[in-house]
Amino acid sequence: MVKLSPKALARLRVQHRALVRSRELEFAGTLGYVAEVLPEWKNHPYFVAILWEWYAPLAGDLPRGWYRDIAEDCRKFFANLPWPPRDDEESLPISECRKALGATSAHLRDDEVRFIRDQLYVLGELIVDGVRNRAR
């Protein structure tokens, strides 16, 4: 293994910080653009995480048309997610959901349990719609 001189090591650290900062700014630009195009989704609990997952493999080398394409991909993807959250008055209480999830829910925040509950409602609605369509 080659040992770097203190000057070379310092230079590499500066370059790394610049790269990280550049990536942060590029991702912030992506977030800002998509949030502007799809304002109804910017407060979704997984908006940033999902966008990061799509952005990270391309970081620093975004293809031509990235912003237009990612906005359209997000529009299609988020259309299949339950949002805005269901009204708690018309849904199973979070405490009941935690009981159903058991010990696995101990590390989940209420908004995460609510999100899981809402996804299950959507899944149930899809199943009922599918059965209705098959019966016709």
N, C-alpha and C. Protein backbone atom coordinates (compact mmCIF):
# COMPACT_ATOMS: atom_id res chain seq x y z
N MET A 1 0.84 -1.17 0.00
CA MET A 1 0.00 0.00 0.00
C MET A 1 0.89 1.23 0.00
N VAL A 2 0.49 2.19 -0.81
CA VAL A 2 1.25 3.43 -0.92
C VAL A 2 0.77 4.41 0.13
N LYS A 3 1.73 4.97 0.83
CA LYS A 3 1.38 5.97 1.84
C LYS A 3 1.48 7.35 1.19
N LEU A 4 0.38 8.11 1.31
CA LEU A 4 0.34 9.43 0.71
C LEU A 4 1.02 10.45 1.59
N SER A 5 1.61 11.42 0.95
CA SER A 5 2.23 12.51 1.70
C SER A 5 1.11 13.35 2.32
N PRO A 6 1.41 14.08 3.37
CA PRO A 6 0.40 14.93 4.00
C PRO A 6 -0.22 15.93 3.01
N LYS A 7 0.59 16.47 2.08
CA LYS A 7 0.07 17.41 1.09
C LYS A 7 -0.92 16.72 0.15
N ALA A 8 -0.55 15.53 -0.31
CA ALA A 8 -1.43 14.80 -1.23
C ALA A 8 -2.73 14.41 -0.52
N LEU A 9 -2.62 13.99 0.72
CA LEU A 9 -3.79 13.61 1.50
C LEU A 9 -4.71 14.82 1.71
N ALA A 10 -4.13 15.95 2.02
CA ALA A 10 -4.91 17.18 2.21
C ALA A 10 -5.61 17.57 0.91
N ARG A 11 -4.90 17.45 -0.22
CA ARG A 11 -5.48 17.77 -1.52
C ARG A 11 -6.66 16.84 -1.84
N LEU A 12 -6.50 15.56 -1.55
CA LEU A 12 -7.58 14.60 -1.78
C LEU A 12 -8.80 14.91 -0.91
N ARG A 13 -8.56 15.31 0.32
CA ARG A 13 -9.67 15.66 1.21
C ARG A 13 -10.43 16.88 0.70
N VAL A 14 -9.71 17.86 0.19
CA VAL A 14 -10.34 19.06 -0.36
C VAL A 14 -11.17 18.68 -1.59
N GLN A 15 -10.62 17.84 -2.45
CA GLN A 15 -11.35 17.40 -3.65
C GLN A 15 -12.60 16.61 -3.27
N HIS A 16 -12.48 15.78 -2.25
CA HIS A 16 -13.62 14.99 -1.81
C HIS A 16 -14.73 15.90 -1.27
N ARG A 17 -14.36 16.87 -0.46
CA ARG A 17 -15.36 17.81 0.08
C ARG A 17 -16.04 18.57 -1.06
N ALA A 18 -15.27 18.98 -2.07
CA ALA A 18 -15.85 19.69 -3.22
C ALA A 18 -16.81 18.79 -3.99
N LEU A 19 -16.46 17.52 -4.14
CA LEU A 19 -17.32 16.57 -4.84
C LEU A 19 -18.62 16.36 -4.06
N VAL A 20 -18.50 16.17 -2.75
CA VAL A 20 -19.68 15.97 -1.92
C VAL A 20 -20.57 17.21 -1.99
N ARG A 21 -20.00 18.39 -1.90
CA ARG A 21 -20.77 19.63 -1.96
C ARG A 21 -21.46 19.78 -3.32
N SER A 22 -20.76 19.44 -4.38
CA SER A 22 -21.32 19.50 -5.72
C SER A 22 -22.52 18.56 -5.84
N ARG A 23 -22.38 17.36 -5.31
CA ARG A 23 -23.47 16.38 -5.33
C ARG A 23 -24.67 16.88 -4.53
N GLU A 24 -24.40 17.48 -3.37
CA GLU A 24 -25.49 18.02 -2.55
C GLU A 24 -26.25 19.11 -3.30
N LEU A 25 -25.52 19.99 -3.97
CA LEU A 25 -26.15 21.07 -4.72
C LEU A 25 -26.95 20.53 -5.91
N GLU A 26 -26.39 19.55 -6.59
CA GLU A 26 -27.08 18.95 -7.73
C GLU A 26 -28.37 18.27 -7.28
N PHE A 27 -28.31 17.54 -6.16
CA PHE A 27 -29.50 16.88 -5.65
C PHE A 27 -30.52 17.89 -5.17
N ALA A 28 -30.06 18.95 -4.53
CA ALA A 28 -30.97 20.02 -4.09
C ALA A 28 -31.68 20.63 -5.30
N GLY A 29 -30.97 20.77 -6.40
CA GLY A 29 -31.59 21.27 -7.63
C GLY A 29 -32.65 20.32 -8.14
N THR A 30 -32.36 19.02 -8.09
CA THR A 30 -33.33 18.01 -8.51
C THR A 30 -34.56 18.06 -7.62
N LEU A 31 -34.34 18.10 -6.31
CA LEU A 31 -35.46 18.17 -5.36
C LEU A 31 -36.31 19.41 -5.62
N GLY A 32 -35.65 20.53 -5.78
CA GLY A 32 -36.36 21.78 -6.00
C GLY A 32 -37.19 21.75 -7.27
N TYR A 33 -36.61 21.22 -8.34
CA TYR A 33 -37.32 21.15 -9.60
C TYR A 33 -38.55 20.26 -9.50
N VAL A 34 -38.37 19.06 -8.99
CA VAL A 34 -39.49 18.11 -8.90
C VAL A 34 -40.55 18.64 -7.93
N ALA A 35 -40.14 19.25 -6.83
CA ALA A 35 -41.10 19.81 -5.88
C ALA A 35 -41.90 20.95 -6.51
N GLU A 36 -41.27 21.70 -7.40
CA GLU A 36 -41.96 22.79 -8.08
C GLU A 36 -42.97 22.25 -9.10
N VAL A 37 -42.57 21.19 -9.81
CA VAL A 37 -43.44 20.60 -10.82
C VAL A 37 -44.57 19.78 -10.18
N LEU A 38 -44.27 19.12 -9.06
CA LEU A 38 -45.25 18.28 -8.38
C LEU A 38 -45.43 18.72 -6.92
N PRO A 39 -45.93 19.92 -6.68
CA PRO A 39 -46.00 20.44 -5.31
C PRO A 39 -46.86 19.59 -4.37
N GLU A 40 -47.81 18.86 -4.93
CA GLU A 40 -48.68 18.05 -4.08
C GLU A 40 -47.93 16.88 -3.44
N TRP A 41 -46.75 16.55 -3.94
CA TRP A 41 -46.00 15.40 -3.42
C TRP A 41 -44.81 15.80 -2.57
N LYS A 42 -44.43 17.06 -2.55
CA LYS A 42 -43.19 17.44 -1.86
C LYS A 42 -43.20 17.16 -0.36
N ASN A 43 -44.38 17.03 0.24
CA ASN A 43 -44.45 16.73 1.67
C ASN A 43 -44.67 15.25 1.97
N HIS A 44 -44.65 14.44 0.94
CA HIS A 44 -44.81 12.99 1.13
C HIS A 44 -43.65 12.49 1.99
N PRO A 45 -43.89 11.61 2.96
CA PRO A 45 -42.81 11.19 3.87
C PRO A 45 -41.62 10.52 3.19
N TYR A 46 -41.80 9.97 2.00
CA TYR A 46 -40.69 9.29 1.33
C TYR A 46 -40.25 9.99 0.05
N PHE A 47 -40.70 11.21 -0.15
CA PHE A 47 -40.36 11.96 -1.36
C PHE A 47 -38.85 12.08 -1.55
N VAL A 48 -38.16 12.54 -0.54
CA VAL A 48 -36.71 12.75 -0.65
C VAL A 48 -35.98 11.41 -0.79
N ALA A 49 -36.38 10.42 -0.01
CA ALA A 49 -35.70 9.12 -0.06
C ALA A 49 -35.85 8.46 -1.43
N ILE A 50 -37.04 8.52 -2.00
CA ILE A 50 -37.27 7.91 -3.31
C ILE A 50 -36.49 8.66 -4.38
N LEU A 51 -36.52 9.96 -4.34
CA LEU A 51 -35.80 10.75 -5.32
C LEU A 51 -34.29 10.51 -5.21
N TRP A 52 -33.78 10.41 -3.99
CA TRP A 52 -32.34 10.13 -3.80
C TRP A 52 -31.97 8.77 -4.40
N GLU A 53 -32.83 7.79 -4.20
CA GLU A 53 -32.56 6.45 -4.72
C GLU A 53 -32.42 6.48 -6.24
N TRP A 54 -33.22 7.31 -6.89
CA TRP A 54 -33.15 7.41 -8.35
C TRP A 54 -31.99 8.29 -8.79
N TYR A 55 -31.66 9.28 -8.00
CA TYR A 55 -30.60 10.22 -8.35
C TYR A 55 -29.19 9.65 -8.12
N ALA A 56 -28.99 8.97 -7.00
CA ALA A 56 -27.65 8.56 -6.56
C ALA A 56 -26.81 7.83 -7.63
N PRO A 57 -27.36 6.87 -8.36
CA PRO A 57 -26.52 6.18 -9.35
C PRO A 57 -26.04 7.09 -10.48
N LEU A 58 -26.70 8.23 -10.68
CA LEU A 58 -26.34 9.14 -11.77
C LEU A 58 -25.64 10.40 -11.28
N ALA A 59 -25.43 10.50 -9.98
CA ALA A 59 -24.89 11.72 -9.37
C ALA A 59 -23.65 12.20 -10.10
N GLY A 60 -23.65 13.48 -10.43
CA GLY A 60 -22.51 14.08 -11.09
C GLY A 60 -22.47 13.87 -12.59
N ASP A 61 -23.37 13.05 -13.12
CA ASP A 61 -23.37 12.77 -14.56
C ASP A 61 -24.82 12.57 -15.03
N LEU A 62 -25.65 13.55 -14.75
CA LEU A 62 -27.06 13.44 -15.10
C LEU A 62 -27.23 13.47 -16.62
N PRO A 63 -28.06 12.57 -17.13
CA PRO A 63 -28.26 12.53 -18.58
C PRO A 63 -29.08 13.73 -19.07
N ARG A 64 -29.01 13.98 -20.35
CA ARG A 64 -29.78 15.06 -20.95
C ARG A 64 -31.27 14.77 -20.72
N GLY A 65 -32.02 15.78 -20.36
CA GLY A 65 -33.44 15.64 -20.13
C GLY A 65 -33.79 15.04 -18.77
N TRP A 66 -32.80 14.95 -17.86
CA TRP A 66 -33.00 14.32 -16.55
C TRP A 66 -34.17 14.94 -15.80
N TYR A 67 -34.20 16.27 -15.73
CA TYR A 67 -35.23 16.92 -14.92
C TYR A 67 -36.62 16.66 -15.48
N ARG A 68 -36.78 16.76 -16.78
CA ARG A 68 -38.07 16.47 -17.40
C ARG A 68 -38.47 15.02 -17.16
N ASP A 69 -37.52 14.10 -17.38
CA ASP A 69 -37.80 12.67 -17.24
C ASP A 69 -38.10 12.29 -15.80
N ILE A 70 -37.33 12.81 -14.86
CA ILE A 70 -37.52 12.43 -13.46
C ILE A 70 -38.85 12.97 -12.94
N ALA A 71 -39.24 14.15 -13.40
CA ALA A 71 -40.53 14.70 -12.98
C ALA A 71 -41.67 13.80 -13.47
N GLU A 72 -41.58 13.33 -14.71
CA GLU A 72 -42.62 12.45 -15.25
C GLU A 72 -42.61 11.10 -14.54
N ASP A 73 -41.41 10.56 -14.27
CA ASP A 73 -41.31 9.29 -13.53
C ASP A 73 -41.92 9.43 -12.14
N CYS A 74 -41.64 10.54 -11.47
CA CYS A 74 -42.20 10.78 -10.14
C CYS A 74 -43.71 10.90 -10.21
N ARG A 75 -44.21 11.61 -11.21
CA ARG A 75 -45.66 11.77 -11.35
C ARG A 75 -46.32 10.39 -11.45
N LYS A 76 -45.78 9.51 -12.28
CA LYS A 76 -46.35 8.16 -12.45
C LYS A 76 -46.20 7.33 -11.17
N PHE A 77 -45.02 7.38 -10.56
CA PHE A 77 -44.74 6.57 -9.37
C PHE A 77 -45.63 7.00 -8.21
N PHE A 78 -45.67 8.29 -7.92
CA PHE A 78 -46.42 8.77 -6.76
C PHE A 78 -47.92 8.64 -6.96
N ALA A 79 -48.38 8.58 -8.20
CA ALA A 79 -49.81 8.40 -8.44
C ALA A 79 -50.31 7.09 -7.87
N ASN A 80 -49.41 6.12 -7.66
CA ASN A 80 -49.79 4.83 -7.11
C ASN A 80 -49.63 4.73 -5.60
N LEU A 81 -49.24 5.82 -4.97
CA LEU A 81 -49.06 5.81 -3.52
C LEU A 81 -50.23 6.51 -2.84
N PRO A 82 -50.55 6.06 -1.63
CA PRO A 82 -51.64 6.72 -0.91
C PRO A 82 -51.19 8.09 -0.40
N TRP A 83 -51.77 9.12 -0.93
CA TRP A 83 -51.43 10.48 -0.51
C TRP A 83 -52.51 11.41 -0.98
N PRO A 84 -52.97 12.34 -0.24
CA PRO A 84 -52.56 12.62 1.14
C PRO A 84 -53.02 11.51 2.08
N PRO A 85 -52.50 11.53 3.30
CA PRO A 85 -52.85 10.46 4.24
C PRO A 85 -54.36 10.36 4.46
N ARG A 86 -54.80 9.16 4.74
CA ARG A 86 -56.23 8.96 5.04
C ARG A 86 -56.57 9.67 6.35
N ASP A 87 -57.81 10.01 6.48
CA ASP A 87 -58.30 10.65 7.70
C ASP A 87 -58.29 9.61 8.82
N ASP A 88 -57.64 9.92 9.93
CA ASP A 88 -57.55 8.98 11.05
C ASP A 88 -58.92 8.63 11.62
N GLU A 89 -59.89 9.52 11.47
CA GLU A 89 -61.23 9.25 11.99
C GLU A 89 -61.93 8.13 11.21
N GLU A 90 -61.54 7.94 9.95
CA GLU A 90 -62.18 6.95 9.09
C GLU A 90 -61.34 5.69 8.89
N SER A 91 -60.24 5.58 9.60
CA SER A 91 -59.30 4.47 9.41
C SER A 91 -59.03 3.79 10.75
N LEU A 92 -58.36 2.65 10.66
CA LEU A 92 -57.93 1.97 11.89
C LEU A 92 -57.02 2.90 12.69
N PRO A 93 -57.19 2.97 13.99
CA PRO A 93 -56.30 3.81 14.80
C PRO A 93 -54.86 3.29 14.73
N ILE A 94 -53.93 4.19 14.88
CA ILE A 94 -52.50 3.83 14.83
C ILE A 94 -52.18 2.81 15.91
N SER A 95 -52.82 2.92 17.08
CA SER A 95 -52.55 1.96 18.17
C SER A 95 -52.94 0.55 17.76
N GLU A 96 -54.06 0.40 17.02
CA GLU A 96 -54.47 -0.92 16.54
C GLU A 96 -53.49 -1.45 15.48
N CYS A 97 -53.01 -0.55 14.65
CA CYS A 97 -52.02 -0.95 13.64
C CYS A 97 -50.74 -1.44 14.31
N ARG A 98 -50.33 -0.74 15.36
CA ARG A 98 -49.12 -1.16 16.09
C ARG A 98 -49.33 -2.55 16.70
N LYS A 99 -50.52 -2.80 17.23
CA LYS A 99 -50.80 -4.14 17.79
C LYS A 99 -50.70 -5.20 16.71
N ALA A 100 -51.26 -4.90 15.53
CA ALA A 100 -51.22 -5.87 14.43
C ALA A 100 -49.79 -6.11 13.94
N LEU A 101 -48.98 -5.06 13.95
CA LEU A 101 -47.58 -5.20 13.51
C LEU A 101 -46.71 -5.88 14.56
N GLY A 102 -47.12 -5.82 15.81
CA GLY A 102 -46.38 -6.45 16.89
C GLY A 102 -45.07 -5.72 17.19
N ALA A 103 -44.08 -6.50 17.58
CA ALA A 103 -42.80 -5.93 18.01
C ALA A 103 -42.09 -5.17 16.89
N THR A 104 -42.40 -5.51 15.65
CA THR A 104 -41.72 -4.84 14.53
C THR A 104 -42.07 -3.35 14.44
N SER A 105 -43.15 -2.94 15.09
CA SER A 105 -43.55 -1.53 15.01
C SER A 105 -42.87 -0.67 16.07
N ALA A 106 -42.11 -1.27 16.95
CA ALA A 106 -41.51 -0.51 18.06
C ALA A 106 -40.59 0.60 17.57
N HIS A 107 -39.88 0.37 16.48
CA HIS A 107 -38.93 1.37 15.98
C HIS A 107 -39.55 2.35 14.98
N LEU A 108 -40.83 2.14 14.64
CA LEU A 108 -41.49 2.99 13.65
C LEU A 108 -42.15 4.21 14.30
N ARG A 109 -42.03 5.35 13.62
CA ARG A 109 -42.73 6.55 14.07
C ARG A 109 -44.20 6.43 13.67
N ASP A 110 -45.06 7.22 14.27
CA ASP A 110 -46.49 7.18 13.95
C ASP A 110 -46.75 7.45 12.47
N ASP A 111 -46.02 8.40 11.87
CA ASP A 111 -46.26 8.70 10.46
C ASP A 111 -45.85 7.52 9.57
N GLU A 112 -44.87 6.74 9.99
CA GLU A 112 -44.48 5.56 9.22
C GLU A 112 -45.54 4.46 9.34
N VAL A 113 -46.08 4.27 10.54
CA VAL A 113 -47.16 3.29 10.72
C VAL A 113 -48.39 3.73 9.93
N ARG A 114 -48.68 5.02 9.96
CA ARG A 114 -49.81 5.57 9.20
C ARG A 114 -49.62 5.31 7.70
N PHE A 115 -48.41 5.49 7.22
CA PHE A 115 -48.11 5.27 5.81
C PHE A 115 -48.33 3.81 5.43
N ILE A 116 -47.87 2.90 6.27
CA ILE A 116 -48.09 1.46 6.02
C ILE A 116 -49.59 1.16 6.00
N ARG A 117 -50.30 1.69 7.00
CA ARG A 117 -51.75 1.48 7.05
C ARG A 117 -52.43 1.98 5.78
N ASP A 118 -52.04 3.17 5.34
CA ASP A 118 -52.66 3.75 4.14
C ASP A 118 -52.35 2.93 2.89
N GLN A 119 -51.14 2.39 2.81
CA GLN A 119 -50.79 1.54 1.67
C GLN A 119 -51.64 0.27 1.68
N LEU A 120 -51.89 -0.28 2.86
CA LEU A 120 -52.72 -1.48 2.95
C LEU A 120 -54.16 -1.18 2.55
N TYR A 121 -54.66 0.00 2.88
CA TYR A 121 -55.99 0.39 2.42
C TYR A 121 -56.03 0.44 0.90
N VAL A 122 -55.01 1.04 0.29
CA VAL A 122 -54.96 1.12 -1.17
C VAL A 122 -54.89 -0.28 -1.78
N LEU A 123 -54.08 -1.15 -1.19
CA LEU A 123 -53.99 -2.53 -1.68
C LEU A 123 -55.36 -3.22 -1.58
N GLY A 124 -56.03 -3.02 -0.48
CA GLY A 124 -57.37 -3.59 -0.32
C GLY A 124 -58.33 -3.08 -1.38
N GLU A 125 -58.28 -1.78 -1.65
CA GLU A 125 -59.13 -1.21 -2.68
C GLU A 125 -58.82 -1.78 -4.05
N LEU A 126 -57.54 -2.00 -4.35
CA LEU A 126 -57.15 -2.60 -5.63
C LEU A 126 -57.69 -4.03 -5.75
N ILE A 127 -57.61 -4.78 -4.67
CA ILE A 127 -58.11 -6.16 -4.69
C ILE A 127 -59.62 -6.18 -4.91
N VAL A 128 -60.34 -5.33 -4.19
CA VAL A 128 -61.79 -5.28 -4.34
C VAL A 128 -62.15 -4.87 -5.77
N ASP A 129 -61.46 -3.86 -6.31
CA ASP A 129 -61.73 -3.44 -7.70
C ASP A 129 -61.45 -4.57 -8.69
N GLY A 130 -60.35 -5.30 -8.45
CA GLY A 130 -60.01 -6.41 -9.33
C GLY A 130 -61.06 -7.51 -9.31
N VAL A 131 -61.56 -7.83 -8.14
CA VAL A 131 -62.60 -8.86 -8.00
C VAL A 131 -63.88 -8.40 -8.68
N ARG A 132 -64.23 -7.14 -8.49
CA ARG A 132 -65.44 -6.58 -9.14
C ARG A 132 -65.32 -6.67 -10.67
N ASN A 133 -64.16 -6.29 -11.19
CA ASN A 133 -63.95 -6.31 -12.64
C ASN A 133 -64.00 -7.73 -13.20
N ARG A 134 -63.49 -8.70 -12.44
CA ARG A 134 -63.50 -10.09 -12.89
C ARG A 134 -64.91 -10.67 -12.88
N ALA A 135 -65.74 -10.19 -11.95
CA ALA A 135 -67.10 -10.68 -11.81
C ALA A 135 -68.02 -10.17 -12.93
N ARG A 136 -67.62 -9.13 -13.59
CA ARG A 136 -68.45 -8.54 -14.66
C ARG A 136 -68.42 -9.34 -15.92
